[in-house]
Amino acid sequence: MRSFSADELQKATDSYNHENRIFGYTSHFRWYKGCFEGRLIFVKKYMDSSIPTHSRSFLADPEMVANEISVAAQLSGHKNSLKLLGCCLETQIPTLVFEFPMNGNLGDQLRSNPTCLSWKSRLKIANEIASVITYLHTALPRPIIHRDIHPGHFYLDQDLRAKLSDFICSMALPEGKTQVENEVACGTLGYLGPEV
């Protein structure tokens, strides 16, 4: 994993130019398309605390982002996880750099052009989603619960391979436990489990 400087990412994204912002935005981060050393990159820039509280519903803190970096790094070797290339620690909240998903995210693909994916592609994508979730739950020393699975968190590469990302809400199960209780709900409305 590479350490990027703030200046490198400013240059790669043309100073986080709004024309490089992609996949809409959330109240707590923005995705930017960038180019670094001739390669397309996907930059996840968290909003800092200088933004007034009433304009955002959630503020990522450095500890949560550190957790996201840890989980993304553990999964970077899985073919259905968006590969974390590195991060910048020079910003108030770390900025993450991922491989660039050439075909956007699954949610946007399904909303903007529902017929763009053949049934064969959809079945392949469903299998890939199941594969990476199974990996999260069973292949690591402590099972990881993503807690925010939805089509917008799966990105599609040039071969329409589904890649999971956005691990800000994820958590590892404590050793010997099969479930956890958390005081704070984390996730996207409409996709939260009924137990939340």
N, C-alpha and C. Protein backbone atom coordinates (compact mmCIF):
# COMPACT_ATOMS: atom_id res chain seq x y z
N MET A 1 0.85 -1.17 0.00
CA MET A 1 0.00 0.00 0.00
C MET A 1 0.90 1.24 0.00
N ARG A 2 0.56 2.19 -0.85
CA ARG A 2 1.39 3.38 -1.03
C ARG A 2 0.88 4.53 -0.16
N SER A 3 1.80 5.36 0.28
CA SER A 3 1.44 6.58 0.98
C SER A 3 1.45 7.73 -0.04
N PHE A 4 0.31 8.37 -0.22
CA PHE A 4 0.19 9.50 -1.15
C PHE A 4 0.30 10.80 -0.36
N SER A 5 0.90 11.80 -0.96
CA SER A 5 0.94 13.12 -0.32
C SER A 5 -0.33 13.88 -0.71
N ALA A 6 -0.67 14.87 0.09
CA ALA A 6 -1.84 15.71 -0.22
C ALA A 6 -1.64 16.41 -1.55
N ASP A 7 -0.41 16.86 -1.83
CA ASP A 7 -0.12 17.53 -3.10
C ASP A 7 -0.31 16.58 -4.29
N GLU A 8 0.11 15.32 -4.14
CA GLU A 8 -0.07 14.35 -5.23
C GLU A 8 -1.54 14.16 -5.57
N LEU A 9 -2.38 14.08 -4.55
CA LEU A 9 -3.80 13.87 -4.79
C LEU A 9 -4.48 15.14 -5.30
N GLN A 10 -4.02 16.29 -4.84
CA GLN A 10 -4.53 17.56 -5.39
C GLN A 10 -4.27 17.60 -6.89
N LYS A 11 -3.05 17.26 -7.28
CA LYS A 11 -2.68 17.28 -8.70
C LYS A 11 -3.45 16.21 -9.47
N ALA A 12 -3.55 15.01 -8.91
CA ALA A 12 -4.21 13.89 -9.60
C ALA A 12 -5.68 14.17 -9.88
N THR A 13 -6.33 14.92 -8.99
CA THR A 13 -7.77 15.20 -9.13
C THR A 13 -8.04 16.62 -9.64
N ASP A 14 -7.00 17.31 -10.07
CA ASP A 14 -7.13 18.71 -10.52
C ASP A 14 -7.77 19.54 -9.40
N SER A 15 -7.14 19.46 -8.23
CA SER A 15 -7.60 20.17 -7.02
C SER A 15 -9.04 19.81 -6.64
N TYR A 16 -9.35 18.53 -6.75
CA TYR A 16 -10.69 18.02 -6.43
C TYR A 16 -11.76 18.79 -7.19
N ASN A 17 -11.47 19.00 -8.45
CA ASN A 17 -12.38 19.71 -9.35
C ASN A 17 -13.73 19.01 -9.38
N HIS A 18 -14.81 19.79 -9.31
CA HIS A 18 -16.16 19.19 -9.28
C HIS A 18 -16.43 18.36 -10.54
N GLU A 19 -15.74 18.65 -11.64
CA GLU A 19 -15.92 17.85 -12.86
C GLU A 19 -15.34 16.44 -12.71
N ASN A 20 -14.47 16.26 -11.73
CA ASN A 20 -13.90 14.94 -11.47
C ASN A 20 -14.67 14.18 -10.39
N ARG A 21 -15.71 14.82 -9.82
CA ARG A 21 -16.52 14.14 -8.81
C ARG A 21 -17.44 13.16 -9.52
N ILE A 22 -17.50 11.96 -9.02
CA ILE A 22 -18.31 10.93 -9.68
C ILE A 22 -19.17 10.18 -8.68
N PHE A 23 -20.17 9.48 -9.24
CA PHE A 23 -21.09 8.66 -8.45
C PHE A 23 -21.84 9.48 -7.41
N GLY A 24 -22.22 10.70 -7.79
CA GLY A 24 -22.97 11.52 -6.86
C GLY A 24 -22.13 11.85 -5.65
N TYR A 25 -22.77 11.97 -4.51
CA TYR A 25 -22.04 12.27 -3.29
C TYR A 25 -22.87 11.85 -2.10
N THR A 26 -22.21 11.78 -0.97
CA THR A 26 -22.90 11.50 0.28
C THR A 26 -22.66 12.67 1.21
N SER A 27 -23.25 12.63 2.36
CA SER A 27 -23.06 13.71 3.32
C SER A 27 -21.71 13.64 4.00
N HIS A 28 -20.99 12.54 3.84
CA HIS A 28 -19.72 12.41 4.56
C HIS A 28 -18.50 12.16 3.68
N PHE A 29 -18.65 11.89 2.41
CA PHE A 29 -17.48 11.77 1.54
C PHE A 29 -17.86 12.02 0.10
N ARG A 30 -16.84 12.23 -0.72
CA ARG A 30 -16.99 12.39 -2.16
C ARG A 30 -16.01 11.45 -2.85
N TRP A 31 -16.42 10.92 -4.00
CA TRP A 31 -15.54 10.12 -4.85
C TRP A 31 -15.04 11.02 -5.98
N TYR A 32 -13.75 10.94 -6.28
CA TYR A 32 -13.17 11.70 -7.38
C TYR A 32 -12.40 10.77 -8.30
N LYS A 33 -12.50 11.06 -9.57
CA LYS A 33 -11.68 10.38 -10.56
C LYS A 33 -10.37 11.15 -10.63
N GLY A 34 -9.27 10.42 -10.69
CA GLY A 34 -7.98 11.07 -10.79
C GLY A 34 -7.06 10.30 -11.71
N CYS A 35 -5.94 10.90 -12.00
CA CYS A 35 -4.92 10.23 -12.82
C CYS A 35 -3.59 10.42 -12.12
N PHE A 36 -2.95 9.31 -11.76
CA PHE A 36 -1.67 9.35 -11.08
C PHE A 36 -0.69 8.46 -11.81
N GLU A 37 0.42 9.04 -12.23
CA GLU A 37 1.46 8.31 -12.97
C GLU A 37 0.86 7.53 -14.15
N GLY A 38 -0.06 8.17 -14.87
CA GLY A 38 -0.65 7.59 -16.06
C GLY A 38 -1.73 6.56 -15.81
N ARG A 39 -2.11 6.37 -14.57
CA ARG A 39 -3.12 5.36 -14.21
C ARG A 39 -4.34 6.06 -13.59
N LEU A 40 -5.53 5.63 -14.00
CA LEU A 40 -6.75 6.16 -13.39
C LEU A 40 -6.86 5.66 -11.96
N ILE A 41 -7.23 6.57 -11.07
CA ILE A 41 -7.43 6.21 -9.66
C ILE A 41 -8.80 6.72 -9.21
N PHE A 42 -9.25 6.17 -8.11
CA PHE A 42 -10.55 6.47 -7.52
C PHE A 42 -10.26 6.99 -6.11
N VAL A 43 -10.49 8.27 -5.87
CA VAL A 43 -10.10 8.90 -4.61
C VAL A 43 -11.34 9.14 -3.75
N LYS A 44 -11.29 8.64 -2.54
CA LYS A 44 -12.39 8.82 -1.58
C LYS A 44 -11.96 9.86 -0.56
N LYS A 45 -12.56 11.03 -0.66
CA LYS A 45 -12.20 12.15 0.21
C LYS A 45 -13.33 12.39 1.22
N TYR A 46 -13.00 12.21 2.48
CA TYR A 46 -13.98 12.44 3.55
C TYR A 46 -14.13 13.93 3.82
N MET A 47 -15.33 14.31 4.20
CA MET A 47 -15.60 15.70 4.55
C MET A 47 -14.99 15.96 5.92
N ASP A 48 -14.41 17.13 6.09
CA ASP A 48 -13.81 17.42 7.39
C ASP A 48 -14.79 18.16 8.29
N SER A 49 -14.38 18.39 9.51
CA SER A 49 -15.29 18.96 10.51
C SER A 49 -15.57 20.45 10.30
N SER A 50 -14.94 21.06 9.29
CA SER A 50 -15.22 22.48 9.03
C SER A 50 -16.57 22.68 8.36
N ILE A 51 -17.19 21.59 7.89
CA ILE A 51 -18.51 21.68 7.27
C ILE A 51 -19.55 21.75 8.39
N PRO A 52 -20.46 22.71 8.33
CA PRO A 52 -21.46 22.84 9.40
C PRO A 52 -22.22 21.54 9.64
N THR A 53 -22.47 21.22 10.90
CA THR A 53 -23.12 19.98 11.29
C THR A 53 -24.48 19.78 10.63
N HIS A 54 -25.27 20.83 10.47
CA HIS A 54 -26.62 20.66 9.92
C HIS A 54 -26.61 20.22 8.46
N SER A 55 -25.47 20.33 7.77
CA SER A 55 -25.44 19.96 6.35
C SER A 55 -24.97 18.53 6.13
N ARG A 56 -24.71 17.81 7.19
CA ARG A 56 -24.30 16.42 7.03
C ARG A 56 -24.94 15.58 8.13
N SER A 57 -25.26 14.36 7.78
CA SER A 57 -25.92 13.50 8.76
C SER A 57 -24.93 12.60 9.49
N PHE A 58 -23.69 12.62 9.06
CA PHE A 58 -22.71 11.69 9.59
C PHE A 58 -21.34 12.30 9.37
N LEU A 59 -20.48 12.21 10.34
CA LEU A 59 -19.11 12.68 10.16
C LEU A 59 -18.18 11.54 10.50
N ALA A 60 -17.43 11.12 9.52
CA ALA A 60 -16.46 10.05 9.76
C ALA A 60 -15.37 10.60 10.66
N ASP A 61 -14.96 9.80 11.61
CA ASP A 61 -13.83 10.23 12.43
C ASP A 61 -12.61 9.41 12.02
N PRO A 62 -11.42 9.89 12.36
CA PRO A 62 -10.21 9.18 11.93
C PRO A 62 -10.17 7.71 12.34
N GLU A 63 -10.75 7.38 13.50
CA GLU A 63 -10.76 5.99 13.95
C GLU A 63 -11.60 5.11 13.03
N MET A 64 -12.75 5.62 12.60
CA MET A 64 -13.61 4.86 11.68
C MET A 64 -12.92 4.68 10.33
N VAL A 65 -12.25 5.74 9.87
CA VAL A 65 -11.56 5.65 8.59
C VAL A 65 -10.37 4.70 8.71
N ALA A 66 -9.68 4.71 9.86
CA ALA A 66 -8.59 3.75 10.07
C ALA A 66 -9.13 2.32 9.99
N ASN A 67 -10.32 2.09 10.54
CA ASN A 67 -10.96 0.78 10.44
C ASN A 67 -11.24 0.44 8.99
N GLU A 68 -11.75 1.42 8.22
CA GLU A 68 -12.01 1.17 6.81
C GLU A 68 -10.73 0.81 6.07
N ILE A 69 -9.65 1.52 6.36
CA ILE A 69 -8.36 1.22 5.72
C ILE A 69 -7.92 -0.19 6.07
N SER A 70 -8.06 -0.57 7.34
CA SER A 70 -7.65 -1.90 7.78
C SER A 70 -8.44 -3.00 7.05
N VAL A 71 -9.76 -2.85 6.99
CA VAL A 71 -10.59 -3.87 6.34
C VAL A 71 -10.31 -3.90 4.84
N ALA A 72 -10.25 -2.73 4.21
CA ALA A 72 -9.99 -2.68 2.76
C ALA A 72 -8.63 -3.29 2.44
N ALA A 73 -7.63 -3.05 3.28
CA ALA A 73 -6.31 -3.63 3.05
C ALA A 73 -6.35 -5.15 3.18
N GLN A 74 -7.09 -5.67 4.16
CA GLN A 74 -7.21 -7.12 4.33
C GLN A 74 -7.89 -7.78 3.14
N LEU A 75 -8.81 -7.05 2.52
CA LEU A 75 -9.57 -7.62 1.41
C LEU A 75 -9.00 -7.30 0.04
N SER A 76 -7.97 -6.47 -0.03
CA SER A 76 -7.45 -6.02 -1.33
C SER A 76 -7.00 -7.16 -2.23
N GLY A 77 -6.69 -8.30 -1.66
CA GLY A 77 -6.27 -9.44 -2.48
C GLY A 77 -7.43 -10.23 -3.06
N HIS A 78 -8.64 -9.98 -2.57
CA HIS A 78 -9.80 -10.72 -3.08
C HIS A 78 -10.25 -10.10 -4.39
N LYS A 79 -10.53 -10.93 -5.38
CA LYS A 79 -10.88 -10.44 -6.72
C LYS A 79 -12.18 -9.63 -6.74
N ASN A 80 -13.00 -9.75 -5.70
CA ASN A 80 -14.27 -9.02 -5.67
C ASN A 80 -14.29 -7.93 -4.60
N SER A 81 -13.12 -7.43 -4.28
CA SER A 81 -13.00 -6.28 -3.39
C SER A 81 -12.28 -5.18 -4.15
N LEU A 82 -12.78 -3.96 -4.06
CA LEU A 82 -12.12 -2.84 -4.73
C LEU A 82 -10.75 -2.66 -4.09
N LYS A 83 -9.71 -2.73 -4.90
CA LYS A 83 -8.34 -2.73 -4.37
C LYS A 83 -7.94 -1.36 -3.85
N LEU A 84 -7.53 -1.35 -2.58
CA LEU A 84 -7.00 -0.15 -1.95
C LEU A 84 -5.55 0.00 -2.39
N LEU A 85 -5.25 1.09 -3.07
CA LEU A 85 -3.88 1.33 -3.54
C LEU A 85 -3.04 2.05 -2.49
N GLY A 86 -3.70 2.85 -1.67
CA GLY A 86 -2.98 3.59 -0.64
C GLY A 86 -3.86 4.65 -0.03
N CYS A 87 -3.22 5.53 0.74
CA CYS A 87 -3.97 6.60 1.38
C CYS A 87 -3.06 7.79 1.65
N CYS A 88 -3.68 8.89 1.98
CA CYS A 88 -2.97 10.11 2.35
C CYS A 88 -3.30 10.40 3.81
N LEU A 89 -2.27 10.49 4.62
CA LEU A 89 -2.47 10.75 6.05
C LEU A 89 -2.19 12.20 6.41
N GLU A 90 -1.99 13.05 5.40
CA GLU A 90 -1.69 14.46 5.63
C GLU A 90 -2.94 15.31 5.79
N THR A 91 -4.10 14.72 5.61
CA THR A 91 -5.36 15.45 5.71
C THR A 91 -5.98 15.20 7.09
N GLN A 92 -6.94 16.06 7.48
CA GLN A 92 -7.57 15.92 8.80
C GLN A 92 -8.14 14.51 8.98
N ILE A 93 -8.81 14.02 7.96
CA ILE A 93 -9.29 12.64 7.92
C ILE A 93 -8.61 11.99 6.73
N PRO A 94 -8.01 10.81 6.90
CA PRO A 94 -7.28 10.20 5.78
C PRO A 94 -8.09 10.14 4.49
N THR A 95 -7.42 10.34 3.38
CA THR A 95 -8.01 10.23 2.05
C THR A 95 -7.56 8.90 1.46
N LEU A 96 -8.50 8.12 0.92
CA LEU A 96 -8.21 6.79 0.42
C LEU A 96 -8.11 6.78 -1.09
N VAL A 97 -7.24 5.92 -1.62
CA VAL A 97 -7.04 5.81 -3.07
C VAL A 97 -7.24 4.35 -3.47
N PHE A 98 -8.16 4.14 -4.42
CA PHE A 98 -8.51 2.81 -4.88
C PHE A 98 -8.26 2.67 -6.38
N GLU A 99 -8.28 1.43 -6.84
CA GLU A 99 -8.28 1.19 -8.28
C GLU A 99 -9.55 1.83 -8.84
N PHE A 100 -9.51 2.20 -10.12
CA PHE A 100 -10.65 2.89 -10.71
C PHE A 100 -11.63 1.88 -11.31
N PRO A 101 -12.92 1.93 -10.91
CA PRO A 101 -13.92 1.02 -11.48
C PRO A 101 -14.48 1.59 -12.79
N MET A 102 -14.08 1.04 -13.89
CA MET A 102 -14.41 1.60 -15.21
C MET A 102 -15.91 1.66 -15.50
N ASN A 103 -16.71 0.80 -14.88
CA ASN A 103 -18.15 0.78 -15.18
C ASN A 103 -19.01 1.29 -14.03
N GLY A 104 -18.43 2.11 -13.17
CA GLY A 104 -19.22 2.74 -12.12
C GLY A 104 -19.69 1.78 -11.04
N ASN A 105 -20.77 2.16 -10.39
CA ASN A 105 -21.27 1.27 -9.35
C ASN A 105 -22.54 0.57 -9.82
N LEU A 106 -22.80 -0.56 -9.21
CA LEU A 106 -23.92 -1.41 -9.61
C LEU A 106 -25.25 -0.68 -9.46
N GLY A 107 -25.42 0.06 -8.39
CA GLY A 107 -26.67 0.78 -8.18
C GLY A 107 -26.97 1.76 -9.30
N ASP A 108 -25.96 2.54 -9.70
CA ASP A 108 -26.16 3.49 -10.80
C ASP A 108 -26.46 2.77 -12.11
N GLN A 109 -25.77 1.66 -12.35
CA GLN A 109 -26.01 0.89 -13.58
C GLN A 109 -27.46 0.40 -13.63
N LEU A 110 -27.94 -0.12 -12.52
CA LEU A 110 -29.30 -0.67 -12.50
C LEU A 110 -30.37 0.42 -12.58
N ARG A 111 -30.09 1.58 -11.99
CA ARG A 111 -31.06 2.69 -12.03
C ARG A 111 -31.08 3.39 -13.38
N SER A 112 -29.91 3.69 -13.92
CA SER A 112 -29.85 4.51 -15.14
C SER A 112 -30.20 3.74 -16.40
N ASN A 113 -29.89 2.47 -16.43
CA ASN A 113 -30.16 1.67 -17.62
C ASN A 113 -30.43 0.23 -17.21
N PRO A 114 -31.63 -0.05 -16.72
CA PRO A 114 -31.94 -1.38 -16.18
C PRO A 114 -31.70 -2.54 -17.14
N THR A 115 -31.69 -2.28 -18.43
CA THR A 115 -31.49 -3.38 -19.38
C THR A 115 -30.04 -3.52 -19.82
N CYS A 116 -29.13 -2.72 -19.23
CA CYS A 116 -27.74 -2.75 -19.67
C CYS A 116 -27.02 -4.05 -19.29
N LEU A 117 -27.49 -4.71 -18.25
CA LEU A 117 -26.85 -5.95 -17.80
C LEU A 117 -27.71 -7.14 -18.20
N SER A 118 -27.11 -8.06 -18.93
CA SER A 118 -27.83 -9.27 -19.31
C SER A 118 -28.09 -10.11 -18.07
N TRP A 119 -29.00 -11.06 -18.18
CA TRP A 119 -29.26 -11.95 -17.05
C TRP A 119 -28.03 -12.78 -16.72
N LYS A 120 -27.26 -13.13 -17.70
CA LYS A 120 -26.02 -13.87 -17.46
C LYS A 120 -25.06 -13.01 -16.62
N SER A 121 -24.93 -11.73 -16.98
CA SER A 121 -24.06 -10.82 -16.22
C SER A 121 -24.58 -10.63 -14.80
N ARG A 122 -25.90 -10.51 -14.66
CA ARG A 122 -26.49 -10.33 -13.33
C ARG A 122 -26.23 -11.54 -12.44
N LEU A 123 -26.35 -12.74 -12.99
CA LEU A 123 -26.08 -13.95 -12.20
C LEU A 123 -24.61 -14.03 -11.81
N LYS A 124 -23.72 -13.64 -12.72
CA LYS A 124 -22.29 -13.62 -12.42
C LYS A 124 -22.01 -12.63 -11.29
N ILE A 125 -22.61 -11.45 -11.38
CA ILE A 125 -22.42 -10.42 -10.36
C ILE A 125 -22.98 -10.89 -9.02
N ALA A 126 -24.14 -11.53 -9.01
CA ALA A 126 -24.72 -12.05 -7.77
C ALA A 126 -23.80 -13.08 -7.13
N ASN A 127 -23.19 -13.94 -7.94
CA ASN A 127 -22.25 -14.93 -7.45
C ASN A 127 -21.01 -14.26 -6.85
N GLU A 128 -20.53 -13.20 -7.51
CA GLU A 128 -19.36 -12.48 -7.01
C GLU A 128 -19.66 -11.77 -5.70
N ILE A 129 -20.86 -11.21 -5.59
CA ILE A 129 -21.28 -10.56 -4.34
C ILE A 129 -21.30 -11.59 -3.21
N ALA A 130 -21.90 -12.75 -3.47
CA ALA A 130 -21.95 -13.82 -2.47
C ALA A 130 -20.54 -14.27 -2.09
N SER A 131 -19.64 -14.33 -3.06
CA SER A 131 -18.27 -14.77 -2.81
C SER A 131 -17.54 -13.84 -1.85
N VAL A 132 -17.63 -12.53 -2.08
CA VAL A 132 -16.89 -11.60 -1.23
C VAL A 132 -17.53 -11.48 0.15
N ILE A 133 -18.85 -11.59 0.24
CA ILE A 133 -19.49 -11.55 1.56
C ILE A 133 -19.13 -12.81 2.35
N THR A 134 -19.13 -13.95 1.69
CA THR A 134 -18.71 -15.19 2.35
C THR A 134 -17.27 -15.07 2.85
N TYR A 135 -16.41 -14.49 2.02
CA TYR A 135 -15.01 -14.28 2.41
C TYR A 135 -14.93 -13.41 3.66
N LEU A 136 -15.68 -12.32 3.68
CA LEU A 136 -15.71 -11.43 4.86
C LEU A 136 -16.10 -12.20 6.12
N HIS A 137 -17.09 -13.06 5.98
CA HIS A 137 -17.65 -13.74 7.14
C HIS A 137 -16.87 -14.97 7.58
N THR A 138 -16.06 -15.55 6.68
CA THR A 138 -15.45 -16.84 7.02
C THR A 138 -13.94 -16.96 6.83
N ALA A 139 -13.32 -16.15 6.01
CA ALA A 139 -11.92 -16.40 5.64
C ALA A 139 -10.90 -15.68 6.51
N LEU A 140 -11.31 -14.71 7.26
CA LEU A 140 -10.37 -13.92 8.06
C LEU A 140 -10.36 -14.45 9.50
N PRO A 141 -9.32 -14.15 10.26
CA PRO A 141 -9.26 -14.66 11.64
C PRO A 141 -10.50 -14.31 12.47
N ARG A 142 -11.02 -13.10 12.29
CA ARG A 142 -12.27 -12.71 12.95
C ARG A 142 -13.25 -12.30 11.87
N PRO A 143 -14.45 -12.88 11.86
CA PRO A 143 -15.44 -12.51 10.84
C PRO A 143 -15.71 -11.01 10.84
N ILE A 144 -15.85 -10.45 9.65
CA ILE A 144 -16.15 -9.03 9.51
C ILE A 144 -17.57 -8.87 8.98
N ILE A 145 -18.32 -8.01 9.63
CA ILE A 145 -19.68 -7.70 9.21
C ILE A 145 -19.62 -6.33 8.52
N HIS A 146 -20.04 -6.26 7.26
CA HIS A 146 -19.95 -5.02 6.49
C HIS A 146 -20.92 -3.96 7.02
N ARG A 147 -22.14 -4.32 7.30
CA ARG A 147 -23.21 -3.48 7.87
C ARG A 147 -23.76 -2.41 6.93
N ASP A 148 -23.36 -2.41 5.67
CA ASP A 148 -23.93 -1.42 4.75
C ASP A 148 -23.91 -1.97 3.32
N ILE A 149 -24.37 -3.20 3.16
CA ILE A 149 -24.39 -3.83 1.84
C ILE A 149 -25.57 -3.29 1.03
N HIS A 150 -25.28 -2.73 -0.12
CA HIS A 150 -26.31 -2.34 -1.08
C HIS A 150 -25.65 -2.13 -2.44
N PRO A 151 -26.42 -2.05 -3.51
CA PRO A 151 -25.84 -1.98 -4.86
C PRO A 151 -24.87 -0.82 -5.09
N GLY A 152 -25.05 0.27 -4.37
CA GLY A 152 -24.15 1.41 -4.53
C GLY A 152 -22.76 1.18 -3.98
N HIS A 153 -22.57 0.13 -3.19
CA HIS A 153 -21.26 -0.16 -2.63
C HIS A 153 -20.54 -1.28 -3.38
N PHE A 154 -21.10 -1.68 -4.50
CA PHE A 154 -20.42 -2.62 -5.40
C PHE A 154 -20.06 -1.87 -6.67
N TYR A 155 -18.80 -1.91 -7.03
CA TYR A 155 -18.31 -1.20 -8.21
C TYR A 155 -17.98 -2.23 -9.28
N LEU A 156 -18.08 -1.81 -10.53
CA LEU A 156 -17.90 -2.74 -11.65
C LEU A 156 -16.66 -2.35 -12.44
N ASP A 157 -15.75 -3.31 -12.63
CA ASP A 157 -14.55 -3.03 -13.41
C ASP A 157 -14.84 -3.17 -14.90
N GLN A 158 -13.80 -3.12 -15.72
CA GLN A 158 -13.99 -3.15 -17.18
C GLN A 158 -14.61 -4.46 -17.65
N ASP A 159 -14.49 -5.53 -16.87
CA ASP A 159 -15.07 -6.82 -17.22
C ASP A 159 -16.40 -7.07 -16.50
N LEU A 160 -16.98 -6.01 -15.94
CA LEU A 160 -18.21 -6.09 -15.14
C LEU A 160 -18.07 -7.01 -13.93
N ARG A 161 -16.86 -7.08 -13.39
CA ARG A 161 -16.63 -7.85 -12.16
C ARG A 161 -17.04 -6.96 -10.99
N ALA A 162 -17.89 -7.48 -10.11
CA ALA A 162 -18.36 -6.72 -8.94
C ALA A 162 -17.27 -6.66 -7.89
N LYS A 163 -17.08 -5.44 -7.34
CA LYS A 163 -16.04 -5.23 -6.32
C LYS A 163 -16.64 -4.45 -5.16
N LEU A 164 -16.60 -5.04 -3.99
CA LEU A 164 -17.15 -4.43 -2.78
C LEU A 164 -16.21 -3.36 -2.23
N SER A 165 -16.79 -2.29 -1.71
CA SER A 165 -16.01 -1.23 -1.07
C SER A 165 -16.84 -0.61 0.04
N ASP A 166 -16.39 0.52 0.54
CA ASP A 166 -17.10 1.30 1.56
C ASP A 166 -17.26 0.51 2.86
N PHE A 167 -16.14 0.35 3.55
CA PHE A 167 -16.11 -0.44 4.78
C PHE A 167 -16.17 0.41 6.04
N ILE A 168 -16.62 1.66 5.92
CA ILE A 168 -16.63 2.58 7.06
C ILE A 168 -17.49 2.05 8.22
N CYS A 169 -18.56 1.34 7.93
CA CYS A 169 -19.45 0.83 8.98
C CYS A 169 -19.08 -0.58 9.44
N SER A 170 -18.11 -1.19 8.80
CA SER A 170 -17.82 -2.60 9.09
C SER A 170 -17.21 -2.77 10.48
N MET A 171 -17.39 -3.96 11.00
CA MET A 171 -16.79 -4.28 12.29
C MET A 171 -16.50 -5.77 12.38
N ALA A 172 -15.44 -6.09 13.10
CA ALA A 172 -15.08 -7.48 13.32
C ALA A 172 -15.86 -8.01 14.52
N LEU A 173 -16.31 -9.24 14.41
CA LEU A 173 -16.99 -9.86 15.55
C LEU A 173 -15.97 -10.15 16.64
N PRO A 174 -16.30 -9.85 17.88
CA PRO A 174 -15.39 -10.21 18.97
C PRO A 174 -15.20 -11.73 19.01
N GLU A 175 -14.02 -12.15 19.42
CA GLU A 175 -13.71 -13.58 19.45
C GLU A 175 -14.73 -14.34 20.27
N GLY A 176 -15.21 -15.45 19.70
CA GLY A 176 -16.18 -16.29 20.38
C GLY A 176 -17.63 -15.83 20.27
N LYS A 177 -17.87 -14.71 19.63
CA LYS A 177 -19.24 -14.18 19.49
C LYS A 177 -19.77 -14.47 18.09
N THR A 178 -21.09 -14.61 18.01
CA THR A 178 -21.73 -14.80 16.71
C THR A 178 -22.58 -13.60 16.32
N GLN A 179 -22.73 -12.65 17.26
CA GLN A 179 -23.46 -11.43 16.96
C GLN A 179 -22.96 -10.34 17.89
N VAL A 180 -23.25 -9.10 17.53
CA VAL A 180 -22.84 -7.97 18.36
C VAL A 180 -24.01 -7.01 18.51
N GLU A 181 -23.99 -6.27 19.60
CA GLU A 181 -24.97 -5.21 19.78
C GLU A 181 -24.20 -3.90 19.71
N ASN A 182 -24.78 -2.95 19.02
CA ASN A 182 -24.13 -1.66 18.87
C ASN A 182 -25.16 -0.59 19.16
N GLU A 183 -24.75 0.43 19.90
CA GLU A 183 -25.68 1.49 20.27
C GLU A 183 -26.03 2.40 19.10
N VAL A 184 -25.16 2.46 18.11
CA VAL A 184 -25.35 3.38 16.99
C VAL A 184 -25.61 2.59 15.71
N ALA A 185 -26.73 2.87 15.06
CA ALA A 185 -27.02 2.24 13.78
C ALA A 185 -26.10 2.85 12.73
N CYS A 186 -25.58 2.01 11.88
CA CYS A 186 -24.70 2.49 10.82
C CYS A 186 -25.13 1.81 9.54
N GLY A 187 -25.30 2.57 8.48
CA GLY A 187 -25.71 1.99 7.22
C GLY A 187 -26.60 2.94 6.45
N THR A 188 -27.22 2.43 5.43
CA THR A 188 -28.05 3.23 4.53
C THR A 188 -29.51 2.88 4.73
N LEU A 189 -30.33 3.91 4.98
CA LEU A 189 -31.76 3.66 5.15
C LEU A 189 -32.30 2.92 3.94
N GLY A 190 -33.18 1.99 4.19
CA GLY A 190 -33.72 1.17 3.12
C GLY A 190 -32.95 -0.13 2.94
N TYR A 191 -31.73 -0.17 3.47
CA TYR A 191 -30.91 -1.38 3.36
C TYR A 191 -30.51 -1.91 4.73
N LEU A 192 -30.87 -1.22 5.80
CA LEU A 192 -30.56 -1.68 7.15
C LEU A 192 -31.33 -2.95 7.45
N GLY A 193 -30.70 -3.85 8.18
CA GLY A 193 -31.37 -5.07 8.57
C GLY A 193 -32.53 -4.77 9.50
N PRO A 194 -33.54 -5.62 9.54
CA PRO A 194 -34.72 -5.36 10.38
C PRO A 194 -34.39 -5.34 11.87
N GLU A 195 -33.27 -5.92 12.25
CA GLU A 195 -32.91 -5.96 13.66
C GLU A 195 -32.32 -4.64 14.14
N VAL A 196 -32.02 -3.72 13.22
CA VAL A 196 -31.37 -2.46 13.61
C VAL A 196 -32.39 -1.47 14.12
